[in-house]
Amino acid sequence: MAQTTYPPLESETRPLIGTDAAAFYLNRKQQTLRWWATYERGPVLPIRINGRLAWPVARIKEIVGV
């Protein structure tokens, strides 16, 4: 299985990222983030775009302290 690499969070310029990248930066499993989205609980909530989850980078940076 190929390992996905992500840029350092400090250099992330996109306003929204996918669940895989958000889970990586928050050091959580993707399923945990999906649970947060489903039950609308958790430190960060996604925006739904055509049924897909998009996580706000600004909030992730705030949580991580970047």
Protein backbone atom coordinates (compact mmCIF):
# COMPACT_ATOMS: atom_id res chain seq x y z
CA MET A 1 0.00 0.00 0.00
CA ALA A 2 1.37 3.40 -0.99
CA GLN A 3 2.10 5.89 1.78
CA THR A 4 0.59 9.34 1.20
CA THR A 5 2.77 12.28 2.13
CA TYR A 6 1.36 15.60 3.27
CA PRO A 7 3.08 19.00 3.33
CA PRO A 8 3.77 20.53 6.74
CA LEU A 9 0.61 22.10 8.14
CA GLU A 10 2.34 25.50 8.24
CA SER A 11 2.67 25.47 4.45
CA GLU A 12 -0.88 24.28 3.71
CA THR A 13 -2.51 27.05 1.68
CA ARG A 14 -5.84 25.47 0.76
CA PRO A 15 -8.81 26.72 2.81
CA LEU A 16 -10.34 23.21 3.00
CA ILE A 17 -8.83 19.72 2.97
CA GLY A 18 -10.15 16.19 2.71
CA THR A 19 -10.76 13.80 5.56
CA ASP A 20 -7.51 11.88 4.97
CA ALA A 21 -5.34 14.98 5.32
CA ALA A 22 -7.35 16.35 8.26
CA ALA A 23 -6.99 13.04 10.10
CA PHE A 24 -3.25 13.09 9.47
CA TYR A 25 -2.80 16.62 10.82
CA LEU A 26 -5.03 15.98 13.85
CA ASN A 27 -3.39 12.60 14.54
CA ARG A 28 -6.75 10.82 14.49
CA LYS A 29 -8.22 8.05 12.36
CA GLN A 30 -10.41 9.07 9.43
CA GLN A 31 -13.33 7.23 10.99
CA THR A 32 -13.08 9.44 14.08
CA LEU A 33 -13.48 12.54 11.93
CA ARG A 34 -16.43 10.96 10.13
CA TRP A 35 -18.03 10.30 13.54
CA TRP A 36 -17.49 13.96 14.47
CA ALA A 37 -19.21 14.96 11.23
CA THR A 38 -22.12 12.55 11.62
CA TYR A 39 -22.91 13.49 15.20
CA GLU A 40 -21.76 17.13 14.84
CA ARG A 41 -19.43 16.75 17.80
CA GLY A 42 -15.72 17.29 18.00
CA PRO A 43 -13.24 20.13 18.04
CA VAL A 44 -13.65 20.83 14.33
CA LEU A 45 -16.65 20.30 12.07
CA PRO A 46 -16.54 19.91 8.30
CA ILE A 47 -18.39 21.63 5.52
CA ARG A 48 -20.35 19.28 3.29
CA ILE A 49 -19.81 19.81 -0.43
CA ASN A 50 -21.87 17.54 -2.69
CA GLY A 51 -21.91 14.84 -0.03
CA ARG A 52 -18.18 15.03 0.66
CA LEU A 53 -16.55 16.35 3.80
CA ALA A 54 -14.21 19.34 3.60
CA TRP A 55 -12.33 20.32 6.76
CA PRO A 56 -11.33 23.97 7.41
CA VAL A 57 -7.55 24.32 7.57
CA ALA A 58 -7.71 27.48 9.70
CA ARG A 59 -9.54 25.63 12.48
CA ILE A 60 -7.14 22.67 12.29
CA LYS A 61 -4.18 25.04 12.58
CA GLU A 62 -5.84 26.68 15.57
CA ILE A 63 -6.37 23.32 17.30
CA VAL A 64 -2.85 22.09 16.60
CA GLY A 65 -1.31 25.42 17.55
CA VAL A 66 0.26 26.32 14.23
